Amino acid sequence: MTDHSKRGMNIRRSILGNAHVDRAKAAKTTFDAPFQALITDAAWGHVWARDTISLRERSMLTIALLAGLGNDHELAMHIRATRRTGASESDVLEALLHVAIYAGVPRANHAIKIAKDTFADMSKEEQT
């Protein structure tokens, strides 16, 4: 495992949580192992590891991009990750308002529904 891979795995766990990463590792096959290594090394070990902007800012950028591209599953996952990045519900809303202007109202409308549902689920989980 390279230094980028080790750092990437540490950051991936710190942002997405051990449970998520453990599920991804358990579901990994020989077919998608190279992909898992790529995202751990490149996305988490290179991009998320940079210290030029904060994890909160990276989180907001990621949420806006995922919403604009219509990647619903990953959007919900990264909204959940705001627990660990410091991005607030207000931050997420601001990012999604930008999505409305730059990627379209339908994308933002759908992303806001996903955010509302995800934040509601997170709130219920915190109460139990």
C-alpha atoms as a PDB file:
ATOM      1  CA  MET A   1       0.000   0.000   0.000  1.00  0.00           C
ATOM      2  CA  THR A   2       1.429   3.397  -0.998  1.00  0.00           C
ATOM      3  CA  ASP A   3       1.550   6.466   1.228  1.00  0.00           C
ATOM      4  CA  HIS A   4      -1.293   7.983  -0.824  1.00  0.00           C
ATOM      5  CA  SER A   5      -3.325   4.809  -0.344  1.00  0.00           C
ATOM      6  CA  LYS A   6      -2.758   4.796   3.425  1.00  0.00           C
ATOM      7  CA  ARG A   7      -3.548   8.488   3.729  1.00  0.00           C
ATOM      8  CA  GLY A   8      -6.528   8.019   1.407  1.00  0.00           C
ATOM      9  CA  MET A   9      -7.939   5.183   3.497  1.00  0.00           C
ATOM     10  CA  ASN A  10      -7.531   7.237   6.684  1.00  0.00           C
ATOM     11  CA  ILE A  11      -9.290  10.247   5.157  1.00  0.00           C
ATOM     12  CA  ARG A  12     -11.982   8.086   3.552  1.00  0.00           C
ATOM     13  CA  ARG A  13     -12.727   6.525   6.945  1.00  0.00           C
ATOM     14  CA  SER A  14     -12.694   9.896   8.708  1.00  0.00           C
ATOM     15  CA  ILE A  15     -15.178  11.404   6.217  1.00  0.00           C
ATOM     16  CA  LEU A  16     -17.469   8.493   5.322  1.00  0.00           C
ATOM     17  CA  GLY A  17     -17.166   6.525   8.556  1.00  0.00           C
ATOM     18  CA  ASN A  18     -15.835   3.072   9.299  1.00  0.00           C
ATOM     19  CA  ALA A  19     -19.179   1.353   8.681  1.00  0.00           C
ATOM     20  CA  HIS A  20     -19.431   2.666   5.108  1.00  0.00           C
ATOM     21  CA  VAL A  21     -15.823   1.858   4.241  1.00  0.00           C
ATOM     22  CA  ASP A  22     -16.076  -1.592   5.826  1.00  0.00           C
ATOM     23  CA  ARG A  23     -19.201  -2.326   3.729  1.00  0.00           C
ATOM     24  CA  ALA A  24     -17.392  -1.216   0.570  1.00  0.00           C
ATOM     25  CA  LYS A  25     -14.392  -3.390   1.421  1.00  0.00           C
ATOM     26  CA  ALA A  26     -16.617  -6.400   2.178  1.00  0.00           C
ATOM     27  CA  ALA A  27     -18.442  -5.996  -1.146  1.00  0.00           C
ATOM     28  CA  LYS A  28     -15.207  -5.609  -3.131  1.00  0.00           C
ATOM     29  CA  THR A  29     -14.515  -8.278  -5.748  1.00  0.00           C
ATOM     30  CA  THR A  30     -11.616  -8.897  -8.083  1.00  0.00           C
ATOM     31  CA  PHE A  31     -13.640  -7.036 -10.723  1.00  0.00           C
ATOM     32  CA  ASP A  32     -13.942  -3.741  -8.812  1.00  0.00           C
ATOM     33  CA  ALA A  33     -10.806  -3.942  -6.626  1.00  0.00           C
ATOM     34  CA  PRO A  34      -8.829  -1.745  -9.062  1.00  0.00           C
ATOM     35  CA  PHE A  35     -11.621   0.852  -8.947  1.00  0.00           C
ATOM     36  CA  GLN A  36     -11.691   0.829  -5.136  1.00  0.00           C
ATOM     37  CA  ALA A  37      -7.903   1.286  -5.107  1.00  0.00           C
ATOM     38  CA  LEU A  38      -8.183   4.151  -7.601  1.00  0.00           C
ATOM     39  CA  ILE A  39     -10.754   6.121  -5.617  1.00  0.00           C
ATOM     40  CA  THR A  40      -8.944   5.528  -2.333  1.00  0.00           C
ATOM     41  CA  ASP A  41      -5.621   6.649  -3.800  1.00  0.00           C
ATOM     42  CA  ALA A  42      -6.717   9.428  -6.175  1.00  0.00           C
ATOM     43  CA  ALA A  43      -9.872  10.901  -4.660  1.00  0.00           C
ATOM     44  CA  TRP A  44      -9.083  10.429  -0.986  1.00  0.00           C
ATOM     45  CA  GLY A  45      -5.276  10.168  -0.943  1.00  0.00           C
ATOM     46  CA  HIS A  46      -4.598  13.003  -3.395  1.00  0.00           C
ATOM     47  CA  VAL A  47      -7.567  15.383  -3.692  1.00  0.00           C
ATOM     48  CA  TRP A  48      -9.243  15.178  -0.266  1.00  0.00           C
ATOM     49  CA  ALA A  49      -5.799  15.077   1.411  1.00  0.00           C
ATOM     50  CA  ARG A  50      -4.790  18.499   0.099  1.00  0.00           C
ATOM     51  CA  ASP A  51      -4.769  21.249   2.711  1.00  0.00           C
ATOM     52  CA  THR A  52      -5.449  24.243   0.449  1.00  0.00           C
ATOM     53  CA  ILE A  53      -9.150  24.278   1.332  1.00  0.00           C
ATOM     54  CA  SER A  54     -10.909  22.804   4.343  1.00  0.00           C
ATOM     55  CA  LEU A  55     -12.791  19.519   4.494  1.00  0.00           C
ATOM     56  CA  ARG A  56     -15.954  21.601   4.977  1.00  0.00           C
ATOM     57  CA  GLU A  57     -15.307  23.426   1.707  1.00  0.00           C
ATOM     58  CA  ARG A  58     -14.471  20.181  -0.111  1.00  0.00           C
ATOM     59  CA  SER A  59     -17.669  18.695   1.238  1.00  0.00           C
ATOM     60  CA  MET A  60     -19.755  21.585  -0.093  1.00  0.00           C
ATOM     61  CA  LEU A  61     -18.052  21.395  -3.505  1.00  0.00           C
ATOM     62  CA  THR A  62     -18.619  17.657  -3.675  1.00  0.00           C
ATOM     63  CA  ILE A  63     -22.284  17.997  -2.724  1.00  0.00           C
ATOM     64  CA  ALA A  64     -22.851  20.689  -5.359  1.00  0.00           C
ATOM     65  CA  LEU A  65     -21.131  18.637  -8.062  1.00  0.00           C
ATOM     66  CA  LEU A  66     -22.971  15.429  -7.198  1.00  0.00           C
ATOM     67  CA  ALA A  67     -26.297  17.279  -7.140  1.00  0.00           C
ATOM     68  CA  GLY A  68     -25.585  18.992 -10.452  1.00  0.00           C
ATOM     69  CA  LEU A  69     -24.670  15.675 -12.057  1.00  0.00           C
ATOM     70  CA  GLY A  70     -27.677  13.856 -10.578  1.00  0.00           C
ATOM     71  CA  ASN A  71     -25.652  11.290  -8.622  1.00  0.00           C
ATOM     72  CA  ASP A  72     -28.310  10.688  -5.977  1.00  0.00           C
ATOM     73  CA  HIS A  73     -26.771   7.804  -4.016  1.00  0.00           C
ATOM     74  CA  GLU A  74     -23.397   9.519  -3.691  1.00  0.00           C
ATOM     75  CA  LEU A  75     -25.144  12.815  -2.856  1.00  0.00           C
ATOM     76  CA  ALA A  76     -26.939  11.260   0.121  1.00  0.00           C
ATOM     77  CA  MET A  77     -23.688   9.605   1.224  1.00  0.00           C
ATOM     78  CA  HIS A  78     -21.824  12.933   1.176  1.00  0.00           C
ATOM     79  CA  ILE A  79     -24.677  14.727   2.942  1.00  0.00           C
ATOM     80  CA  ARG A  80     -24.302  12.124   5.703  1.00  0.00           C
ATOM     81  CA  ALA A  81     -20.572  12.871   5.725  1.00  0.00           C
ATOM     82  CA  THR A  82     -21.256  16.484   6.739  1.00  0.00           C
ATOM     83  CA  ARG A  83     -21.323  15.156  10.312  1.00  0.00           C
ATOM     84  CA  ARG A  84     -17.579  14.711   9.964  1.00  0.00           C
ATOM     85  CA  THR A  85     -16.607  17.592   7.655  1.00  0.00           C
ATOM     86  CA  GLY A  86     -18.124  20.477   9.581  1.00  0.00           C
ATOM     87  CA  ALA A  87     -20.529  21.491   6.807  1.00  0.00           C
ATOM     88  CA  SER A  88     -23.871  22.519   8.285  1.00  0.00           C
ATOM     89  CA  GLU A  89     -27.368  22.121   6.884  1.00  0.00           C
ATOM     90  CA  SER A  90     -27.206  25.830   5.976  1.00  0.00           C
ATOM     91  CA  ASP A  91     -23.953  25.213   4.080  1.00  0.00           C
ATOM     92  CA  VAL A  92     -25.598  22.399   2.129  1.00  0.00           C
ATOM     93  CA  LEU A  93     -28.574  24.600   1.268  1.00  0.00           C
ATOM     94  CA  GLU A  94     -26.245  27.344   0.011  1.00  0.00           C
ATOM     95  CA  ALA A  95     -24.440  24.826  -2.199  1.00  0.00           C
ATOM     96  CA  LEU A  96     -27.771  23.595  -3.571  1.00  0.00           C
ATOM     97  CA  LEU A  97     -28.937  27.146  -4.297  1.00  0.00           C
ATOM     98  CA  HIS A  98     -25.850  27.467  -6.499  1.00  0.00           C
ATOM     99  CA  VAL A  99     -26.824  24.205  -8.169  1.00  0.00           C
ATOM    100  CA  ALA A 100     -30.214  25.717  -9.024  1.00  0.00           C
ATOM    101  CA  ILE A 101     -28.582  28.627 -10.832  1.00  0.00           C
ATOM    102  CA  TYR A 102     -25.686  26.830 -12.507  1.00  0.00           C
ATOM    103  CA  ALA A 103     -27.026  23.298 -13.108  1.00  0.00           C
ATOM    104  CA  GLY A 104     -30.766  23.839 -13.180  1.00  0.00           C
ATOM    105  CA  VAL A 105     -33.762  24.081 -10.892  1.00  0.00           C
ATOM    106  CA  PRO A 106     -34.928  20.464 -11.424  1.00  0.00           C
ATOM    107  CA  ARG A 107     -31.528  19.096 -10.299  1.00  0.00           C
ATOM    108  CA  ALA A 108     -31.501  21.368  -7.255  1.00  0.00           C
ATOM    109  CA  ASN A 109     -35.126  20.595  -6.404  1.00  0.00           C
ATOM    110  CA  HIS A 110     -34.400  16.867  -6.430  1.00  0.00           C
ATOM    111  CA  ALA A 111     -31.175  17.350  -4.448  1.00  0.00           C
ATOM    112  CA  ILE A 112     -33.013  19.424  -1.827  1.00  0.00           C
ATOM    113  CA  LYS A 113     -35.506  16.573  -1.391  1.00  0.00           C
ATOM    114  CA  ILE A 114     -32.613  14.129  -0.940  1.00  0.00           C
ATOM    115  CA  ALA A 115     -30.963  16.499   1.551  1.00  0.00           C
ATOM    116  CA  LYS A 116     -34.188  16.941   3.552  1.00  0.00           C
ATOM    117  CA  ASP A 117     -34.766  13.184   3.692  1.00  0.00           C
ATOM    118  CA  THR A 118     -31.143  12.479   4.595  1.00  0.00           C
ATOM    119  CA  PHE A 119     -31.008  15.131   7.330  1.00  0.00           C
ATOM    120  CA  ALA A 120     -34.314  13.798   8.734  1.00  0.00           C
ATOM    121  CA  ASP A 121     -32.877  10.264   8.805  1.00  0.00           C
ATOM    122  CA  MET A 122     -29.714  11.548  10.483  1.00  0.00           C
ATOM    123  CA  SER A 123     -31.782  13.364  13.106  1.00  0.00           C
ATOM    124  CA  LYS A 124     -33.773  10.204  13.867  1.00  0.00           C
ATOM    125  CA  GLU A 125     -30.557   8.195  14.162  1.00  0.00           C
ATOM    126  CA  GLU A 126     -29.114  10.719  16.613  1.00  0.00           C
ATOM    127  CA  GLN A 127     -32.219  10.402  18.810  1.00  0.00           C
ATOM    128  CA  THR A 128     -31.882   6.626  19.118  1.00  0.00           C
END
